[in-house]
Amino acid sequence: MITGKITLRLLFGAAQVILALLVIAVALDLKFNIFDFQTMFNISQDALNYYVVLLLAFGIIFLIGGLFLVYDWWESR
């Protein structure tokens, strides 16, 4: 029974880290317009910095949360 909780912690932590890295990558792509996301999402230059800061903030918070879940799984092994 306890191994299921450990596996779920690792699974959700790893998924959260991956999603956080994707959110951060989208924020950086919006800023530097690598894959032309600014025109694809029709984002004006006035609102661009708002979206980038918002995505970076959520990405960093999700990354820290996911890393804490993985660390908790690692310490309970």
PDB file of N, CA and C in Angstrom:
ATOM      1  N   MET A   1       0.819  -1.199   0.000  1.00  0.00           N
ATOM      2  CA  MET A   1       0.000   0.000   0.000  1.00  0.00           C
ATOM      3  C   MET A   1       0.857   1.256   0.000  1.00  0.00           C
ATOM      4  N   ILE A   2       1.952   1.238   0.733  1.00  0.00           N
ATOM      5  CA  ILE A   2       2.782   2.444   0.811  1.00  0.00           C
ATOM      6  C   ILE A   2       3.554   2.670  -0.482  1.00  0.00           C
ATOM      7  N   THR A   3       3.827   1.613  -1.256  1.00  0.00           N
ATOM      8  CA  THR A   3       4.547   1.800  -2.510  1.00  0.00           C
ATOM      9  C   THR A   3       3.683   2.522  -3.536  1.00  0.00           C
ATOM     10  N   GLY A   4       2.357   2.377  -3.467  1.00  0.00           N
ATOM     11  CA  GLY A   4       1.471   3.105  -4.370  1.00  0.00           C
ATOM     12  C   GLY A   4       1.535   4.599  -4.139  1.00  0.00           C
ATOM     13  N   LYS A   5       1.614   5.019  -2.884  1.00  0.00           N
ATOM     14  CA  LYS A   5       1.720   6.448  -2.578  1.00  0.00           C
ATOM     15  C   LYS A   5       3.055   6.998  -3.046  1.00  0.00           C
ATOM     16  N   ILE A   6       4.090   6.211  -2.888  1.00  0.00           N
ATOM     17  CA  ILE A   6       5.413   6.659  -3.319  1.00  0.00           C
ATOM     18  C   ILE A   6       5.441   6.805  -4.837  1.00  0.00           C
ATOM     19  N   THR A   7       4.858   5.865  -5.543  1.00  0.00           N
ATOM     20  CA  THR A   7       4.838   5.926  -6.997  1.00  0.00           C
ATOM     21  C   THR A   7       3.991   7.093  -7.482  1.00  0.00           C
ATOM     22  N   LEU A   8       2.860   7.358  -6.838  1.00  0.00           N
ATOM     23  CA  LEU A   8       2.026   8.485  -7.237  1.00  0.00           C
ATOM     24  C   LEU A   8       2.732   9.812  -6.982  1.00  0.00           C
ATOM     25  N   ARG A   9       3.466   9.910  -5.887  1.00  0.00           N
ATOM     26  CA  ARG A   9       4.224  11.137  -5.628  1.00  0.00           C
ATOM     27  C   ARG A   9       5.226  11.391  -6.748  1.00  0.00           C
ATOM     28  N   LEU A  10       5.949  10.355  -7.124  1.00  0.00           N
ATOM     29  CA  LEU A  10       6.929  10.499  -8.195  1.00  0.00           C
ATOM     30  C   LEU A  10       6.239  10.815  -9.519  1.00  0.00           C
ATOM     31  N   LEU A  11       5.151  10.133  -9.805  1.00  0.00           N
ATOM     32  CA  LEU A  11       4.441  10.342 -11.067  1.00  0.00           C
ATOM     33  C   LEU A  11       3.916  11.768 -11.170  1.00  0.00           C
ATOM     34  N   PHE A  12       3.228  12.246 -10.143  1.00  0.00           N
ATOM     35  CA  PHE A  12       2.680  13.596 -10.184  1.00  0.00           C
ATOM     36  C   PHE A  12       3.778  14.648 -10.126  1.00  0.00           C
ATOM     37  N   GLY A  13       4.836  14.394  -9.381  1.00  0.00           N
ATOM     38  CA  GLY A  13       5.948  15.331  -9.327  1.00  0.00           C
ATOM     39  C   GLY A  13       6.641  15.460 -10.667  1.00  0.00           C
ATOM     40  N   ALA A  14       6.900  14.334 -11.316  1.00  0.00           N
ATOM     41  CA  ALA A  14       7.565  14.369 -12.619  1.00  0.00           C
ATOM     42  C   ALA A  14       6.673  15.026 -13.674  1.00  0.00           C
ATOM     43  N   ALA A  15       5.375  14.726 -13.636  1.00  0.00           N
ATOM     44  CA  ALA A  15       4.449  15.354 -14.587  1.00  0.00           C
ATOM     45  C   ALA A  15       4.383  16.864 -14.364  1.00  0.00           C
ATOM     46  N   GLN A  16       4.391  17.286 -13.122  1.00  0.00           N
ATOM     47  CA  GLN A  16       4.344  18.711 -12.815  1.00  0.00           C
ATOM     48  C   GLN A  16       5.627  19.412 -13.252  1.00  0.00           C
ATOM     49  N   VAL A  17       6.759  18.765 -13.085  1.00  0.00           N
ATOM     50  CA  VAL A  17       8.029  19.349 -13.535  1.00  0.00           C
ATOM     51  C   VAL A  17       8.032  19.488 -15.052  1.00  0.00           C
ATOM     52  N   ILE A  18       7.579  18.471 -15.755  1.00  0.00           N
ATOM     53  CA  ILE A  18       7.557  18.524 -17.222  1.00  0.00           C
ATOM     54  C   ILE A  18       6.624  19.624 -17.707  1.00  0.00           C
ATOM     55  N   LEU A  19       5.431  19.726 -17.127  1.00  0.00           N
ATOM     56  CA  LEU A  19       4.501  20.781 -17.525  1.00  0.00           C
ATOM     57  C   LEU A  19       5.038  22.164 -17.190  1.00  0.00           C
ATOM     58  N   ALA A  20       5.722  22.288 -16.066  1.00  0.00           N
ATOM     59  CA  ALA A  20       6.308  23.580 -15.695  1.00  0.00           C
ATOM     60  C   ALA A  20       7.379  23.989 -16.688  1.00  0.00           C
ATOM     61  N   LEU A  21       8.204  23.045 -17.107  1.00  0.00           N
ATOM     62  CA  LEU A  21       9.239  23.357 -18.091  1.00  0.00           C
ATOM     63  C   LEU A  21       8.626  23.743 -19.438  1.00  0.00           C
ATOM     64  N   LEU A  22       7.508  23.123 -19.794  1.00  0.00           N
ATOM     65  CA  LEU A  22       6.819  23.503 -21.035  1.00  0.00           C
ATOM     66  C   LEU A  22       6.240  24.909 -20.939  1.00  0.00           C
ATOM     67  N   VAL A  23       5.675  25.261 -19.787  1.00  0.00           N
ATOM     68  CA  VAL A  23       5.130  26.611 -19.601  1.00  0.00           C
ATOM     69  C   VAL A  23       6.246  27.647 -19.675  1.00  0.00           C
ATOM     70  N   ILE A  24       7.376  27.356 -19.060  1.00  0.00           N
ATOM     71  CA  ILE A  24       8.516  28.273 -19.119  1.00  0.00           C
ATOM     72  C   ILE A  24       9.032  28.389 -20.553  1.00  0.00           C
ATOM     73  N   ALA A  25       9.044  27.281 -21.281  1.00  0.00           N
ATOM     74  CA  ALA A  25       9.489  27.315 -22.678  1.00  0.00           C
ATOM     75  C   ALA A  25       8.541  28.159 -23.535  1.00  0.00           C
ATOM     76  N   VAL A  26       7.238  28.064 -23.294  1.00  0.00           N
ATOM     77  CA  VAL A  26       6.278  28.881 -24.036  1.00  0.00           C
ATOM     78  C   VAL A  26       6.468  30.356 -23.695  1.00  0.00           C
ATOM     79  N   ALA A  27       6.729  30.659 -22.427  1.00  0.00           N
ATOM     80  CA  ALA A  27       6.957  32.053 -22.035  1.00  0.00           C
ATOM     81  C   ALA A  27       8.196  32.613 -22.724  1.00  0.00           C
ATOM     82  N   LEU A  28       9.267  31.835 -22.766  1.00  0.00           N
ATOM     83  CA  LEU A  28      10.481  32.299 -23.426  1.00  0.00           C
ATOM     84  C   LEU A  28      10.286  32.409 -24.936  1.00  0.00           C
ATOM     85  N   ASP A  29       9.478  31.507 -25.500  1.00  0.00           N
ATOM     86  CA  ASP A  29       9.199  31.604 -26.922  1.00  0.00           C
ATOM     87  C   ASP A  29       8.367  32.836 -27.236  1.00  0.00           C
ATOM     88  N   LEU A  30       7.430  33.176 -26.362  1.00  0.00           N
ATOM     89  CA  LEU A  30       6.665  34.401 -26.567  1.00  0.00           C
ATOM     90  C   LEU A  30       7.573  35.627 -26.532  1.00  0.00           C
ATOM     91  N   LYS A  31       8.513  35.625 -25.627  1.00  0.00           N
ATOM     92  CA  LYS A  31       9.411  36.777 -25.495  1.00  0.00           C
ATOM     93  C   LYS A  31      10.329  36.923 -26.706  1.00  0.00           C
ATOM     94  N   PHE A  32      10.934  35.825 -27.137  1.00  0.00           N
ATOM     95  CA  PHE A  32      11.915  35.892 -28.214  1.00  0.00           C
ATOM     96  C   PHE A  32      11.347  35.525 -29.583  1.00  0.00           C
ATOM     97  N   ASN A  33      10.083  35.106 -29.637  1.00  0.00           N
ATOM     98  CA  ASN A  33       9.350  34.820 -30.879  1.00  0.00           C
ATOM     99  C   ASN A  33      10.090  33.821 -31.770  1.00  0.00           C
ATOM    100  N   ILE A  34      10.519  32.720 -31.175  1.00  0.00           N
ATOM    101  CA  ILE A  34      11.278  31.707 -31.911  1.00  0.00           C
ATOM    102  C   ILE A  34      10.387  30.959 -32.911  1.00  0.00           C
ATOM    103  N   PHE A  35       9.243  30.471 -32.462  1.00  0.00           N
ATOM    104  CA  PHE A  35       8.338  29.701 -33.312  1.00  0.00           C
ATOM    105  C   PHE A  35       7.133  30.517 -33.762  1.00  0.00           C
ATOM    106  N   ASP A  36       7.235  31.833 -33.705  1.00  0.00           N
ATOM    107  CA  ASP A  36       6.206  32.750 -34.184  1.00  0.00           C
ATOM    108  C   ASP A  36       4.884  32.597 -33.417  1.00  0.00           C
ATOM    109  N   PHE A  37       4.980  32.389 -32.101  1.00  0.00           N
ATOM    110  CA  PHE A  37       3.787  32.265 -31.271  1.00  0.00           C
ATOM    111  C   PHE A  37       3.054  33.594 -31.114  1.00  0.00           C
ATOM    112  N   GLN A  38       3.772  34.707 -31.233  1.00  0.00           N
ATOM    113  CA  GLN A  38       3.126  36.004 -31.057  1.00  0.00           C
ATOM    114  C   GLN A  38       2.056  36.237 -32.112  1.00  0.00           C
ATOM    115  N   THR A  39       2.327  35.901 -33.342  1.00  0.00           N
ATOM    116  CA  THR A  39       1.324  36.074 -34.390  1.00  0.00           C
ATOM    117  C   THR A  39       0.302  34.943 -34.378  1.00  0.00           C
ATOM    118  N   MET A  40       0.721  33.736 -33.991  1.00  0.00           N
ATOM    119  CA  MET A  40      -0.215  32.619 -33.952  1.00  0.00           C
ATOM    120  C   MET A  40      -1.301  32.847 -32.906  1.00  0.00           C
ATOM    121  N   PHE A  41      -0.924  33.378 -31.733  1.00  0.00           N
ATOM    122  CA  PHE A  41      -1.894  33.663 -30.675  1.00  0.00           C
ATOM    123  C   PHE A  41      -2.439  35.084 -30.754  1.00  0.00           C
ATOM    124  N   ASN A  42      -1.984  35.871 -31.725  1.00  0.00           N
ATOM    125  CA  ASN A  42      -2.427  37.239 -31.946  1.00  0.00           C
ATOM    126  C   ASN A  42      -2.269  38.096 -30.689  1.00  0.00           C
ATOM    127  N   ILE A  43      -1.055  38.133 -30.160  1.00  0.00           N
ATOM    128  CA  ILE A  43      -0.750  38.876 -28.940  1.00  0.00           C
ATOM    129  C   ILE A  43      -0.127  40.211 -29.330  1.00  0.00           C
ATOM    130  N   SER A  44      -0.705  41.283 -28.809  1.00  0.00           N
ATOM    131  CA  SER A  44      -0.160  42.608 -29.113  1.00  0.00           C
ATOM    132  C   SER A  44       1.121  42.839 -28.314  1.00  0.00           C
ATOM    133  N   GLN A  45       1.905  43.785 -28.759  1.00  0.00           N
ATOM    134  CA  GLN A  45       3.168  44.095 -28.084  1.00  0.00           C
ATOM    135  C   GLN A  45       2.928  44.706 -26.708  1.00  0.00           C
ATOM    136  N   ASP A  46       1.784  45.360 -26.522  1.00  0.00           N
ATOM    137  CA  ASP A  46       1.477  45.956 -25.224  1.00  0.00           C
ATOM    138  C   ASP A  46       1.249  44.887 -24.149  1.00  0.00           C
ATOM    139  N   ALA A  47       0.597  43.802 -24.528  1.00  0.00           N
ATOM    140  CA  ALA A  47       0.262  42.749 -23.566  1.00  0.00           C
ATOM    141  C   ALA A  47       1.326  41.661 -23.476  1.00  0.00           C
ATOM    142  N   LEU A  48       2.352  41.733 -24.309  1.00  0.00           N
ATOM    143  CA  LEU A  48       3.341  40.662 -24.376  1.00  0.00           C
ATOM    144  C   LEU A  48       4.076  40.472 -23.055  1.00  0.00           C
ATOM    145  N   ASN A  49       4.562  41.549 -22.461  1.00  0.00           N
ATOM    146  CA  ASN A  49       5.304  41.425 -21.202  1.00  0.00           C
ATOM    147  C   ASN A  49       4.423  40.893 -20.075  1.00  0.00           C
ATOM    148  N   TYR A  50       3.157  41.266 -20.070  1.00  0.00           N
ATOM    149  CA  TYR A  50       2.220  40.757 -19.056  1.00  0.00           C
ATOM    150  C   TYR A  50       2.115  39.233 -19.145  1.00  0.00           C
ATOM    151  N   TYR A  51       1.931  38.722 -20.358  1.00  0.00           N
ATOM    152  CA  TYR A  51       1.807  37.277 -20.539  1.00  0.00           C
ATOM    153  C   TYR A  51       3.100  36.543 -20.191  1.00  0.00           C
ATOM    154  N   VAL A  52       4.225  37.115 -20.565  1.00  0.00           N
ATOM    155  CA  VAL A  52       5.504  36.472 -20.288  1.00  0.00           C
ATOM    156  C   VAL A  52       5.745  36.386 -18.788  1.00  0.00           C
ATOM    157  N   VAL A  53       5.512  37.473 -18.062  1.00  0.00           N
ATOM    158  CA  VAL A  53       5.710  37.464 -16.606  1.00  0.00           C
ATOM    159  C   VAL A  53       4.731  36.510 -15.938  1.00  0.00           C
ATOM    160  N   LEU A  54       3.489  36.496 -16.377  1.00  0.00           N
ATOM    161  CA  LEU A  54       2.486  35.600 -15.801  1.00  0.00           C
ATOM    162  C   LEU A  54       2.861  34.136 -16.025  1.00  0.00           C
ATOM    163  N   LEU A  55       3.266  33.799 -17.232  1.00  0.00           N
ATOM    164  CA  LEU A  55       3.657  32.417 -17.523  1.00  0.00           C
ATOM    165  C   LEU A  55       4.922  32.016 -16.773  1.00  0.00           C
ATOM    166  N   LEU A  56       5.890  32.913 -16.699  1.00  0.00           N
ATOM    167  CA  LEU A  56       7.104  32.594 -15.956  1.00  0.00           C
ATOM    168  C   LEU A  56       6.816  32.391 -14.472  1.00  0.00           C
ATOM    169  N   ALA A  57       5.961  33.229 -13.899  1.00  0.00           N
ATOM    170  CA  ALA A  57       5.636  33.088 -12.479  1.00  0.00           C
ATOM    171  C   ALA A  57       4.960  31.751 -12.208  1.00  0.00           C
ATOM    172  N   PHE A  58       3.952  31.412 -13.006  1.00  0.00           N
ATOM    173  CA  PHE A  58       3.282  30.125 -12.806  1.00  0.00           C
ATOM    174  C   PHE A  58       4.218  28.955 -13.089  1.00  0.00           C
ATOM    175  N   GLY A  59       5.052  29.065 -14.097  1.00  0.00           N
ATOM    176  CA  GLY A  59       5.990  27.994 -14.412  1.00  0.00           C
ATOM    177  C   GLY A  59       6.975  27.748 -13.296  1.00  0.00           C
ATOM    178  N   ILE A  60       7.494  28.810 -12.710  1.00  0.00           N
ATOM    179  CA  ILE A  60       8.453  28.646 -11.613  1.00  0.00           C
ATOM    180  C   ILE A  60       7.776  28.069 -10.378  1.00  0.00           C
ATOM    181  N   ILE A  61       6.552  28.524 -10.084  1.00  0.00           N
ATOM    182  CA  ILE A  61       5.827  27.984  -8.928  1.00  0.00           C
ATOM    183  C   ILE A  61       5.530  26.502  -9.135  1.00  0.00           C
ATOM    184  N   PHE A  62       5.084  26.126 -10.334  1.00  0.00           N
ATOM    185  CA  PHE A  62       4.809  24.715 -10.615  1.00  0.00           C
ATOM    186  C   PHE A  62       6.084  23.888 -10.577  1.00  0.00           C
ATOM    187  N   LEU A  63       7.184  24.439 -11.048  1.00  0.00           N
ATOM    188  CA  LEU A  63       8.459  23.727 -11.029  1.00  0.00           C
ATOM    189  C   LEU A  63       8.909  23.455  -9.604  1.00  0.00           C
ATOM    190  N   ILE A  64       8.794  24.443  -8.741  1.00  0.00           N
ATOM    191  CA  ILE A  64       9.182  24.258  -7.342  1.00  0.00           C
ATOM    192  C   ILE A  64       8.280  23.216  -6.673  1.00  0.00           C
ATOM    193  N   GLY A  65       6.988  23.276  -6.937  1.00  0.00           N
ATOM    194  CA  GLY A  65       6.070  22.286  -6.364  1.00  0.00           C
ATOM    195  C   GLY A  65       6.372  20.870  -6.825  1.00  0.00           C
ATOM    196  N   GLY A  66       6.656  20.714  -8.107  1.00  0.00           N
ATOM    197  CA  GLY A  66       6.987  19.392  -8.628  1.00  0.00           C
ATOM    198  C   GLY A  66       8.297  18.867  -8.071  1.00  0.00           C
ATOM    199  N   LEU A  67       9.275  19.754  -7.932  1.00  0.00           N
ATOM    200  CA  LEU A  67      10.550  19.321  -7.364  1.00  0.00           C
ATOM    201  C   LEU A  67      10.404  18.926  -5.894  1.00  0.00           C
ATOM    202  N   PHE A  68       9.535  19.617  -5.166  1.00  0.00           N
ATOM    203  CA  PHE A  68       9.281  19.215  -3.778  1.00  0.00           C
ATOM    204  C   PHE A  68       8.615  17.842  -3.708  1.00  0.00           C
ATOM    205  N   LEU A  69       7.715  17.544  -4.635  1.00  0.00           N
ATOM    206  CA  LEU A  69       7.094  16.220  -4.656  1.00  0.00           C
ATOM    207  C   LEU A  69       8.129  15.133  -4.950  1.00  0.00           C
ATOM    208  N   VAL A  70       8.998  15.382  -5.908  1.00  0.00           N
ATOM    209  CA  VAL A  70      10.042  14.405  -6.228  1.00  0.00           C
ATOM    210  C   VAL A  70      11.001  14.260  -5.057  1.00  0.00           C
ATOM    211  N   TYR A  71      11.351  15.366  -4.416  1.00  0.00           N
ATOM    212  CA  TYR A  71      12.247  15.313  -3.252  1.00  0.00           C
ATOM    213  C   TYR A  71      11.596  14.545  -2.095  1.00  0.00           C
ATOM    214  N   ASP A  72      10.298  14.746  -1.900  1.00  0.00           N
ATOM    215  CA  ASP A  72       9.590  14.017  -0.842  1.00  0.00           C
ATOM    216  C   ASP A  72       9.587  12.517  -1.128  1.00  0.00           C
ATOM    217  N   TRP A  73       9.402  12.150  -2.412  1.00  0.00           N
ATOM    218  CA  TRP A  73       9.457  10.739  -2.781  1.00  0.00           C
ATOM    219  C   TRP A  73      10.868  10.202  -2.550  1.00  0.00           C
ATOM    220  N   TRP A  74      11.876  10.987  -2.925  1.00  0.00           N
ATOM    221  CA  TRP A  74      13.260  10.539  -2.777  1.00  0.00           C
ATOM    222  C   TRP A  74      13.610  10.315  -1.308  1.00  0.00           C
ATOM    223  N   GLU A  75      13.173  11.192  -0.411  1.00  0.00           N
ATOM    224  CA  GLU A  75      13.485  11.066   1.012  1.00  0.00           C
ATOM    225  C   GLU A  75      12.721   9.921   1.678  1.00  0.00           C
ATOM    226  N   SER A  76      11.583   9.545   1.137  1.00  0.00           N
ATOM    227  CA  SER A  76      10.789   8.481   1.775  1.00  0.00           C
ATOM    228  C   SER A  76      11.162   7.096   1.270  1.00  0.00           C
ATOM    229  N   ARG A  77      12.115   6.993   0.342  1.00  0.00           N
ATOM    230  CA  ARG A  77      12.515   5.677  -0.178  1.00  0.00           C
ATOM    231  C   ARG A  77      13.249   4.881   0.850  1.00  0.00           C
TER     232      ARG A  77
END
